[in-house]
Each structure stands twice: as structure tokens, then as C-alpha cells.
Amino acid sequence: MKKALSYRLFRLGAIPKKLRPELESEGIVVADEGMAGRFVAKNVKGPGRRYRGRVELFSGCLAVTQKRVACFTYGKRQIHIAADDPKLSDLFVDVPAPDTLLISFEAADFRDDWRGVLAFRFKTQKARRFFDVLTALGAGRGRPASGA
């Protein structure tokens, strides 16, 4: 699968240089970078934020090590959870198509003053591998109860 254009031209969506040695020392189980994707915020309410159905395209990376799950879009940290954190079970993963990985969660599970569903849809040939590894770590299957 082709990498995102912004990754091919400008390396946007790569694993951050400062983080890569840490991830490698922790033992990368599965990782991919330069993935094209879509971020969806559904009925999200938070301090100074109101999104009914916001959609953004991105180029990003996702890495699962023996110690953590990390996701960055355009170099900005989006998901960063220790592998043994009980909140990992609040992440839901799904593979709606063979080359698509969906990670979604209730915003309130990670921020007290937020409500709504956030979802990251990645285009990657490693979708099934990510799904298997994340569910083995304790992530839920499917989507949050309020939909994604």
C-alpha cells in the first residue's frame, strides 16, 4: 500500500526521531508510519470545543511495543497508553476492510470534562496484525456503545 503523499514528500506522519530509539529499546511488536488516515469526532463536547461530526485527513504513525501503544498524526501525539494501563480496555479496535484499522474510544474515558466519540481510521496493510496485537493487550473489539 502506498504511503501518504505528505509522508513521501515531507516525512509527515513518521515516527518522531526522539521517540524511535525508545520504542526500539522497548521492543516494537508492530509499527507502521506514513499511513493515510481519517480522524472523526462525533458529538464531542469539551472545554472550548464542540464538534458534531468533524472529519480531518492525516498522515500518521502507530506503534505497539511491549510497553506501550503510541499514535502520532502530523507529529502530534494522539494516543499514548502504557500496555499495562487498565484504560487500554477503553480503546476499541476494528478492521472494517482488509487494509483499514479503526481505533475508537469515548472521550470521557480519557478526559473527565469531555464527551463524545473519537475515532482514527488508518489505511495500512498491517491492519489485521495491529488488531490482533491490540486485542491481545486488552483493547475491546468493535466500536464504543455510542457509535463511531
N, C-alpha and C. Protein backbone atom coordinates (compact mmCIF):
# COMPACT_ATOMS: atom_id res chain seq x y z
N MET A 1 0.85 -1.17 0.00
CA MET A 1 0.00 0.00 0.00
C MET A 1 0.89 1.24 0.00
N LYS A 2 0.53 2.20 -0.80
CA LYS A 2 1.30 3.43 -0.89
C LYS A 2 1.21 4.22 0.40
N LYS A 3 2.28 4.87 0.72
CA LYS A 3 2.29 5.78 1.87
C LYS A 3 1.61 7.08 1.48
N ALA A 4 1.21 7.85 2.48
CA ALA A 4 0.55 9.14 2.24
C ALA A 4 1.49 10.07 1.48
N LEU A 5 0.93 10.91 0.64
CA LEU A 5 1.73 11.85 -0.15
C LEU A 5 2.55 12.77 0.74
N SER A 6 1.95 13.27 1.83
CA SER A 6 2.68 14.18 2.73
C SER A 6 3.86 13.46 3.39
N TYR A 7 3.76 12.16 3.56
CA TYR A 7 4.86 11.38 4.11
C TYR A 7 5.96 11.23 3.06
N ARG A 8 5.57 10.91 1.84
CA ARG A 8 6.56 10.72 0.77
C ARG A 8 7.31 12.00 0.45
N LEU A 9 6.63 13.14 0.54
CA LEU A 9 7.28 14.42 0.21
C LEU A 9 8.02 15.04 1.40
N PHE A 10 7.38 15.04 2.57
CA PHE A 10 7.91 15.80 3.70
C PHE A 10 8.17 14.97 4.96
N ARG A 11 7.95 13.66 4.88
CA ARG A 11 8.11 12.76 6.03
C ARG A 11 7.13 13.08 7.16
N LEU A 12 5.99 13.72 6.84
CA LEU A 12 4.95 13.95 7.84
C LEU A 12 4.25 12.63 8.11
N GLY A 13 4.10 12.29 9.36
CA GLY A 13 3.49 11.02 9.71
C GLY A 13 4.50 9.94 10.05
N ALA A 14 5.78 10.33 10.15
CA ALA A 14 6.82 9.38 10.54
C ALA A 14 6.86 9.28 12.06
N ILE A 15 7.42 8.19 12.56
CA ILE A 15 7.63 8.07 14.00
C ILE A 15 8.63 9.16 14.39
N PRO A 16 8.31 9.97 15.40
CA PRO A 16 9.21 11.07 15.79
C PRO A 16 10.63 10.57 16.09
N LYS A 17 11.63 11.31 15.61
CA LYS A 17 13.03 10.91 15.75
C LYS A 17 13.43 10.70 17.20
N LYS A 18 12.94 11.54 18.11
CA LYS A 18 13.30 11.42 19.53
C LYS A 18 12.67 10.18 20.16
N LEU A 19 11.55 9.74 19.64
CA LEU A 19 10.83 8.61 20.22
C LEU A 19 11.29 7.26 19.67
N ARG A 20 11.79 7.25 18.45
CA ARG A 20 12.14 5.98 17.80
C ARG A 20 13.13 5.13 18.62
N PRO A 21 14.24 5.68 19.15
CA PRO A 21 15.15 4.84 19.93
C PRO A 21 14.48 4.24 21.18
N GLU A 22 13.60 5.01 21.82
CA GLU A 22 12.87 4.50 22.98
C GLU A 22 12.01 3.31 22.59
N LEU A 23 11.26 3.48 21.50
CA LEU A 23 10.37 2.41 21.05
C LEU A 23 11.17 1.16 20.69
N GLU A 24 12.30 1.35 20.01
CA GLU A 24 13.12 0.21 19.62
C GLU A 24 13.69 -0.51 20.83
N SER A 25 14.07 0.25 21.87
CA SER A 25 14.61 -0.37 23.08
C SER A 25 13.52 -1.13 23.85
N GLU A 26 12.26 -0.72 23.70
CA GLU A 26 11.15 -1.40 24.37
C GLU A 26 10.73 -2.66 23.62
N GLY A 27 11.16 -2.80 22.40
CA GLY A 27 10.81 -3.96 21.59
C GLY A 27 9.52 -3.74 20.81
N ILE A 28 9.66 -3.24 19.59
CA ILE A 28 8.49 -2.96 18.76
C ILE A 28 7.85 -4.29 18.33
N VAL A 29 6.57 -4.44 18.63
CA VAL A 29 5.82 -5.62 18.23
C VAL A 29 5.29 -5.43 16.82
N VAL A 30 4.67 -4.28 16.57
CA VAL A 30 4.19 -3.92 15.23
C VAL A 30 4.17 -2.40 15.13
N ALA A 31 4.57 -1.88 13.99
CA ALA A 31 4.58 -0.43 13.77
C ALA A 31 4.42 -0.15 12.28
N ASP A 32 3.86 1.01 12.00
CA ASP A 32 3.75 1.47 10.62
C ASP A 32 3.75 2.98 10.65
N GLU A 33 4.30 3.60 9.63
CA GLU A 33 4.32 5.06 9.56
C GLU A 33 3.97 5.52 8.16
N GLY A 34 3.62 6.79 8.06
CA GLY A 34 3.23 7.34 6.77
C GLY A 34 1.87 6.85 6.31
N MET A 35 1.06 6.39 7.25
CA MET A 35 -0.27 5.88 6.91
C MET A 35 -1.23 7.03 6.67
N ALA A 36 -1.96 6.96 5.59
CA ALA A 36 -3.03 7.93 5.37
C ALA A 36 -4.16 7.54 6.31
N GLY A 37 -4.89 8.53 6.78
CA GLY A 37 -5.97 8.22 7.70
C GLY A 37 -6.99 9.32 7.81
N ARG A 38 -7.99 9.03 8.62
CA ARG A 38 -9.08 9.97 8.83
C ARG A 38 -9.41 9.99 10.31
N PHE A 39 -9.49 11.19 10.88
CA PHE A 39 -9.89 11.39 12.27
C PHE A 39 -11.34 11.86 12.27
N VAL A 40 -12.17 11.24 13.09
CA VAL A 40 -13.58 11.62 13.17
C VAL A 40 -13.93 11.91 14.63
N ALA A 41 -14.51 13.08 14.86
CA ALA A 41 -15.02 13.46 16.19
C ALA A 41 -16.53 13.53 16.08
N LYS A 42 -17.23 12.68 16.82
CA LYS A 42 -18.68 12.60 16.72
C LYS A 42 -19.32 13.06 18.03
N ASN A 43 -20.10 14.14 17.95
CA ASN A 43 -20.81 14.69 19.11
C ASN A 43 -19.87 14.95 20.29
N VAL A 44 -18.73 15.55 20.01
CA VAL A 44 -17.72 15.81 21.03
C VAL A 44 -17.96 17.17 21.68
N LYS A 45 -17.93 17.16 23.00
CA LYS A 45 -18.05 18.40 23.78
C LYS A 45 -16.94 18.40 24.82
N GLY A 46 -16.21 19.50 24.85
CA GLY A 46 -15.14 19.66 25.81
C GLY A 46 -14.93 21.13 26.05
N PRO A 47 -14.02 21.48 26.95
CA PRO A 47 -13.77 22.89 27.23
C PRO A 47 -13.35 23.64 25.96
N GLY A 48 -14.19 24.54 25.50
CA GLY A 48 -13.89 25.32 24.31
C GLY A 48 -14.01 24.57 23.00
N ARG A 49 -14.56 23.37 23.02
CA ARG A 49 -14.69 22.55 21.81
C ARG A 49 -16.11 22.01 21.69
N ARG A 50 -16.63 22.06 20.48
CA ARG A 50 -17.94 21.47 20.16
C ARG A 50 -17.86 20.95 18.73
N TYR A 51 -17.92 19.65 18.56
CA TYR A 51 -17.87 19.06 17.23
C TYR A 51 -19.04 18.10 17.07
N ARG A 52 -19.84 18.33 16.08
CA ARG A 52 -20.96 17.44 15.82
C ARG A 52 -20.53 16.25 14.96
N GLY A 53 -19.74 16.53 13.96
CA GLY A 53 -19.25 15.49 13.06
C GLY A 53 -18.03 15.96 12.33
N ARG A 54 -16.98 16.26 13.04
CA ARG A 54 -15.76 16.78 12.43
C ARG A 54 -14.93 15.64 11.84
N VAL A 55 -14.43 15.86 10.63
CA VAL A 55 -13.59 14.87 9.95
C VAL A 55 -12.33 15.57 9.46
N GLU A 56 -11.17 14.99 9.75
CA GLU A 56 -9.88 15.52 9.30
C GLU A 56 -9.07 14.39 8.68
N LEU A 57 -8.39 14.68 7.60
CA LEU A 57 -7.47 13.72 7.00
C LEU A 57 -6.10 13.92 7.62
N PHE A 58 -5.31 12.85 7.69
CA PHE A 58 -3.98 12.98 8.28
C PHE A 58 -3.03 11.95 7.69
N SER A 59 -1.76 12.16 7.98
CA SER A 59 -0.71 11.18 7.74
C SER A 59 -0.14 10.88 9.11
N GLY A 60 -0.07 9.63 9.49
CA GLY A 60 0.34 9.34 10.85
C GLY A 60 1.09 8.03 10.99
N CYS A 61 1.41 7.74 12.25
CA CYS A 61 2.10 6.50 12.57
C CYS A 61 1.45 5.87 13.80
N LEU A 62 1.61 4.59 13.90
CA LEU A 62 1.10 3.83 15.03
C LEU A 62 2.15 2.80 15.38
N ALA A 63 2.49 2.71 16.66
CA ALA A 63 3.48 1.74 17.10
C ALA A 63 3.00 1.07 18.37
N VAL A 64 3.15 -0.25 18.42
CA VAL A 64 2.83 -1.02 19.61
C VAL A 64 4.11 -1.72 20.02
N THR A 65 4.56 -1.43 21.24
CA THR A 65 5.75 -2.09 21.78
C THR A 65 5.30 -3.00 22.91
N GLN A 66 6.24 -3.63 23.56
CA GLN A 66 5.90 -4.48 24.70
C GLN A 66 5.49 -3.64 25.90
N LYS A 67 5.74 -2.32 25.86
CA LYS A 67 5.41 -1.46 27.00
C LYS A 67 4.35 -0.41 26.73
N ARG A 68 4.05 -0.08 25.46
CA ARG A 68 3.09 1.00 25.19
C ARG A 68 2.49 0.95 23.80
N VAL A 69 1.42 1.76 23.65
CA VAL A 69 0.78 1.99 22.36
C VAL A 69 0.91 3.48 22.10
N ALA A 70 1.46 3.86 20.95
CA ALA A 70 1.66 5.27 20.62
C ALA A 70 1.16 5.55 19.21
N CYS A 71 0.43 6.66 19.09
CA CYS A 71 -0.10 7.08 17.79
C CYS A 71 0.18 8.57 17.63
N PHE A 72 0.73 8.94 16.49
CA PHE A 72 1.01 10.34 16.18
C PHE A 72 0.42 10.67 14.82
N THR A 73 -0.17 11.86 14.70
CA THR A 73 -0.64 12.35 13.40
C THR A 73 0.06 13.68 13.17
N TYR A 74 0.71 13.81 12.03
CA TYR A 74 1.50 15.00 11.71
C TYR A 74 2.44 15.38 12.85
N GLY A 75 2.99 14.40 13.54
CA GLY A 75 3.94 14.64 14.61
C GLY A 75 3.33 14.99 15.94
N LYS A 76 2.02 15.05 16.04
CA LYS A 76 1.34 15.39 17.29
C LYS A 76 0.83 14.11 17.95
N ARG A 77 1.14 13.96 19.23
CA ARG A 77 0.71 12.76 19.95
C ARG A 77 -0.81 12.72 20.08
N GLN A 78 -1.41 11.61 19.69
CA GLN A 78 -2.85 11.44 19.79
C GLN A 78 -3.21 10.36 20.81
N ILE A 79 -2.49 9.26 20.79
CA ILE A 79 -2.71 8.16 21.73
C ILE A 79 -1.35 7.76 22.29
N HIS A 80 -1.30 7.63 23.61
CA HIS A 80 -0.06 7.22 24.27
C HIS A 80 -0.45 6.53 25.57
N ILE A 81 -0.53 5.20 25.54
CA ILE A 81 -1.02 4.44 26.69
C ILE A 81 -0.04 3.31 26.98
N ALA A 82 0.26 3.12 28.26
CA ALA A 82 1.10 2.00 28.66
C ALA A 82 0.36 0.69 28.39
N ALA A 83 1.10 -0.34 28.02
CA ALA A 83 0.49 -1.62 27.68
C ALA A 83 -0.21 -2.25 28.87
N ASP A 84 0.22 -1.92 30.08
CA ASP A 84 -0.41 -2.50 31.28
C ASP A 84 -1.43 -1.56 31.92
N ASP A 85 -1.75 -0.44 31.28
CA ASP A 85 -2.74 0.51 31.79
C ASP A 85 -4.14 -0.07 31.61
N PRO A 86 -4.97 -0.07 32.67
CA PRO A 86 -6.34 -0.59 32.53
C PRO A 86 -7.18 0.20 31.52
N LYS A 87 -6.81 1.43 31.23
CA LYS A 87 -7.56 2.24 30.26
C LYS A 87 -7.42 1.71 28.83
N LEU A 88 -6.47 0.83 28.61
CA LEU A 88 -6.32 0.24 27.28
C LEU A 88 -7.59 -0.51 26.88
N SER A 89 -8.31 -1.02 27.87
CA SER A 89 -9.57 -1.73 27.56
C SER A 89 -10.66 -0.78 27.09
N ASP A 90 -10.47 0.54 27.27
CA ASP A 90 -11.43 1.53 26.79
C ASP A 90 -11.23 1.87 25.32
N LEU A 91 -10.13 1.40 24.73
CA LEU A 91 -9.91 1.56 23.29
C LEU A 91 -10.64 0.42 22.57
N PHE A 92 -11.27 0.74 21.48
CA PHE A 92 -11.94 -0.28 20.68
C PHE A 92 -11.27 -0.33 19.31
N VAL A 93 -10.99 -1.54 18.85
CA VAL A 93 -10.35 -1.71 17.54
C VAL A 93 -11.24 -2.56 16.64
N ASP A 94 -11.17 -2.26 15.37
CA ASP A 94 -11.98 -2.96 14.39
C ASP A 94 -11.23 -2.95 13.06
N VAL A 95 -11.51 -3.91 12.21
CA VAL A 95 -10.94 -3.97 10.87
C VAL A 95 -12.12 -4.02 9.89
N PRO A 96 -12.66 -2.84 9.54
CA PRO A 96 -13.83 -2.81 8.65
C PRO A 96 -13.53 -3.25 7.21
N ALA A 97 -12.27 -3.19 6.80
CA ALA A 97 -11.83 -3.65 5.48
C ALA A 97 -10.43 -4.25 5.67
N PRO A 98 -9.98 -5.11 4.77
CA PRO A 98 -8.68 -5.77 4.95
C PRO A 98 -7.50 -4.80 5.12
N ASP A 99 -7.59 -3.61 4.57
CA ASP A 99 -6.49 -2.65 4.67
C ASP A 99 -6.84 -1.45 5.53
N THR A 100 -7.80 -1.59 6.44
CA THR A 100 -8.24 -0.47 7.27
C THR A 100 -8.30 -0.88 8.73
N LEU A 101 -7.68 -0.07 9.59
CA LEU A 101 -7.74 -0.27 11.03
C LEU A 101 -8.49 0.90 11.64
N LEU A 102 -9.47 0.61 12.48
CA LEU A 102 -10.25 1.64 13.16
C LEU A 102 -9.98 1.54 14.65
N ILE A 103 -9.51 2.64 15.25
CA ILE A 103 -9.34 2.73 16.70
C ILE A 103 -10.28 3.83 17.17
N SER A 104 -11.19 3.50 18.07
CA SER A 104 -12.16 4.48 18.55
C SER A 104 -12.30 4.38 20.06
N PHE A 105 -12.76 5.47 20.66
CA PHE A 105 -12.94 5.49 22.11
C PHE A 105 -13.85 6.63 22.52
N GLU A 106 -14.41 6.50 23.70
CA GLU A 106 -15.21 7.56 24.31
C GLU A 106 -14.24 8.57 24.90
N ALA A 107 -14.40 9.83 24.55
CA ALA A 107 -13.50 10.88 25.04
C ALA A 107 -13.53 10.95 26.57
N ALA A 108 -14.69 10.70 27.18
CA ALA A 108 -14.84 10.78 28.64
C ALA A 108 -13.99 9.74 29.37
N ASP A 109 -13.62 8.66 28.70
CA ASP A 109 -12.79 7.63 29.34
C ASP A 109 -11.36 8.10 29.56
N PHE A 110 -10.95 9.14 28.83
CA PHE A 110 -9.57 9.62 28.94
C PHE A 110 -9.47 11.05 29.46
N ARG A 111 -10.55 11.82 29.36
CA ARG A 111 -10.59 13.19 29.87
C ARG A 111 -11.92 13.41 30.56
N ASP A 112 -11.86 13.78 31.83
CA ASP A 112 -13.08 13.89 32.64
C ASP A 112 -14.09 14.87 32.09
N ASP A 113 -13.64 15.98 31.55
CA ASP A 113 -14.57 17.04 31.14
C ASP A 113 -14.93 16.97 29.65
N TRP A 114 -14.69 15.85 29.00
CA TRP A 114 -15.02 15.68 27.58
C TRP A 114 -16.11 14.63 27.42
N ARG A 115 -16.86 14.74 26.34
CA ARG A 115 -17.90 13.77 25.98
C ARG A 115 -17.85 13.54 24.47
N GLY A 116 -18.30 12.39 24.01
CA GLY A 116 -18.36 12.10 22.59
C GLY A 116 -17.42 10.97 22.20
N VAL A 117 -17.42 10.64 20.92
CA VAL A 117 -16.60 9.54 20.41
C VAL A 117 -15.54 10.08 19.46
N LEU A 118 -14.31 9.62 19.64
CA LEU A 118 -13.19 9.96 18.77
C LEU A 118 -12.75 8.69 18.06
N ALA A 119 -12.46 8.80 16.77
CA ALA A 119 -12.06 7.62 16.01
C ALA A 119 -10.93 7.96 15.05
N PHE A 120 -9.99 7.04 14.94
CA PHE A 120 -8.88 7.15 13.99
C PHE A 120 -8.99 5.97 13.03
N ARG A 121 -9.04 6.25 11.75
CA ARG A 121 -9.14 5.22 10.71
C ARG A 121 -7.85 5.27 9.91
N PHE A 122 -7.05 4.20 10.00
CA PHE A 122 -5.76 4.11 9.33
C PHE A 122 -5.84 3.20 8.11
N LYS A 123 -5.19 3.59 7.02
CA LYS A 123 -5.04 2.73 5.84
C LYS A 123 -3.68 2.05 5.96
N THR A 124 -3.68 0.76 6.22
CA THR A 124 -2.43 0.02 6.38
C THR A 124 -2.63 -1.45 6.04
N GLN A 125 -1.61 -2.04 5.45
CA GLN A 125 -1.67 -3.48 5.17
C GLN A 125 -1.47 -4.29 6.44
N LYS A 126 -1.05 -3.64 7.51
CA LYS A 126 -0.84 -4.33 8.79
C LYS A 126 -2.07 -4.24 9.70
N ALA A 127 -3.22 -3.92 9.14
CA ALA A 127 -4.43 -3.73 9.95
C ALA A 127 -4.75 -4.95 10.81
N ARG A 128 -4.73 -6.13 10.22
CA ARG A 128 -5.06 -7.35 10.97
C ARG A 128 -4.03 -7.60 12.07
N ARG A 129 -2.77 -7.35 11.79
CA ARG A 129 -1.71 -7.55 12.80
C ARG A 129 -1.91 -6.59 13.97
N PHE A 130 -2.19 -5.30 13.68
CA PHE A 130 -2.47 -4.34 14.75
C PHE A 130 -3.67 -4.80 15.57
N PHE A 131 -4.73 -5.24 14.89
CA PHE A 131 -5.94 -5.70 15.56
C PHE A 131 -5.62 -6.84 16.52
N ASP A 132 -4.89 -7.84 16.04
CA ASP A 132 -4.55 -8.99 16.87
C ASP A 132 -3.71 -8.60 18.09
N VAL A 133 -2.72 -7.76 17.89
CA VAL A 133 -1.83 -7.35 18.98
C VAL A 133 -2.59 -6.50 20.00
N LEU A 134 -3.38 -5.54 19.53
CA LEU A 134 -4.12 -4.67 20.45
C LEU A 134 -5.18 -5.43 21.24
N THR A 135 -5.87 -6.35 20.61
CA THR A 135 -6.87 -7.13 21.37
C THR A 135 -6.18 -8.06 22.36
N ALA A 136 -5.01 -8.58 22.02
CA ALA A 136 -4.25 -9.42 22.95
C ALA A 136 -3.81 -8.61 24.18
N LEU A 137 -3.56 -7.31 23.99
CA LEU A 137 -3.18 -6.45 25.11
C LEU A 137 -4.38 -6.05 25.96
N GLY A 138 -5.59 -6.25 25.45
CA GLY A 138 -6.78 -5.94 26.24
C GLY A 138 -7.72 -4.92 25.64
N ALA A 139 -7.43 -4.43 24.45
CA ALA A 139 -8.34 -3.47 23.81
C ALA A 139 -9.63 -4.20 23.43
N GLY A 140 -10.74 -3.45 23.44
CA GLY A 140 -12.02 -4.04 23.08
C GLY A 140 -12.14 -4.23 21.58
N ARG A 141 -13.04 -5.12 21.20
CA ARG A 141 -13.31 -5.35 19.78
C ARG A 141 -14.54 -4.57 19.38
N GLY A 142 -14.56 -4.09 18.16
CA GLY A 142 -15.74 -3.38 17.67
C GLY A 142 -15.64 -1.89 17.87
N ARG A 143 -16.76 -1.30 18.31
CA ARG A 143 -16.84 0.15 18.47
C ARG A 143 -17.48 0.51 19.79
N PRO A 144 -17.25 1.73 20.30
CA PRO A 144 -17.88 2.13 21.56
C PRO A 144 -19.41 2.09 21.45
N ALA A 145 -20.08 1.97 22.58
CA ALA A 145 -21.54 1.83 22.61
C ALA A 145 -22.25 2.98 21.90
N SER A 146 -21.71 4.20 21.98
CA SER A 146 -22.38 5.34 21.36
C SER A 146 -22.01 5.51 19.89
N GLY A 147 -21.30 4.54 19.32
CA GLY A 147 -21.01 4.55 17.88
C GLY A 147 -19.77 5.31 17.50
N ALA A 148 -19.26 5.01 16.29
CA ALA A 148 -18.07 5.72 15.80
C ALA A 148 -18.16 5.96 14.33
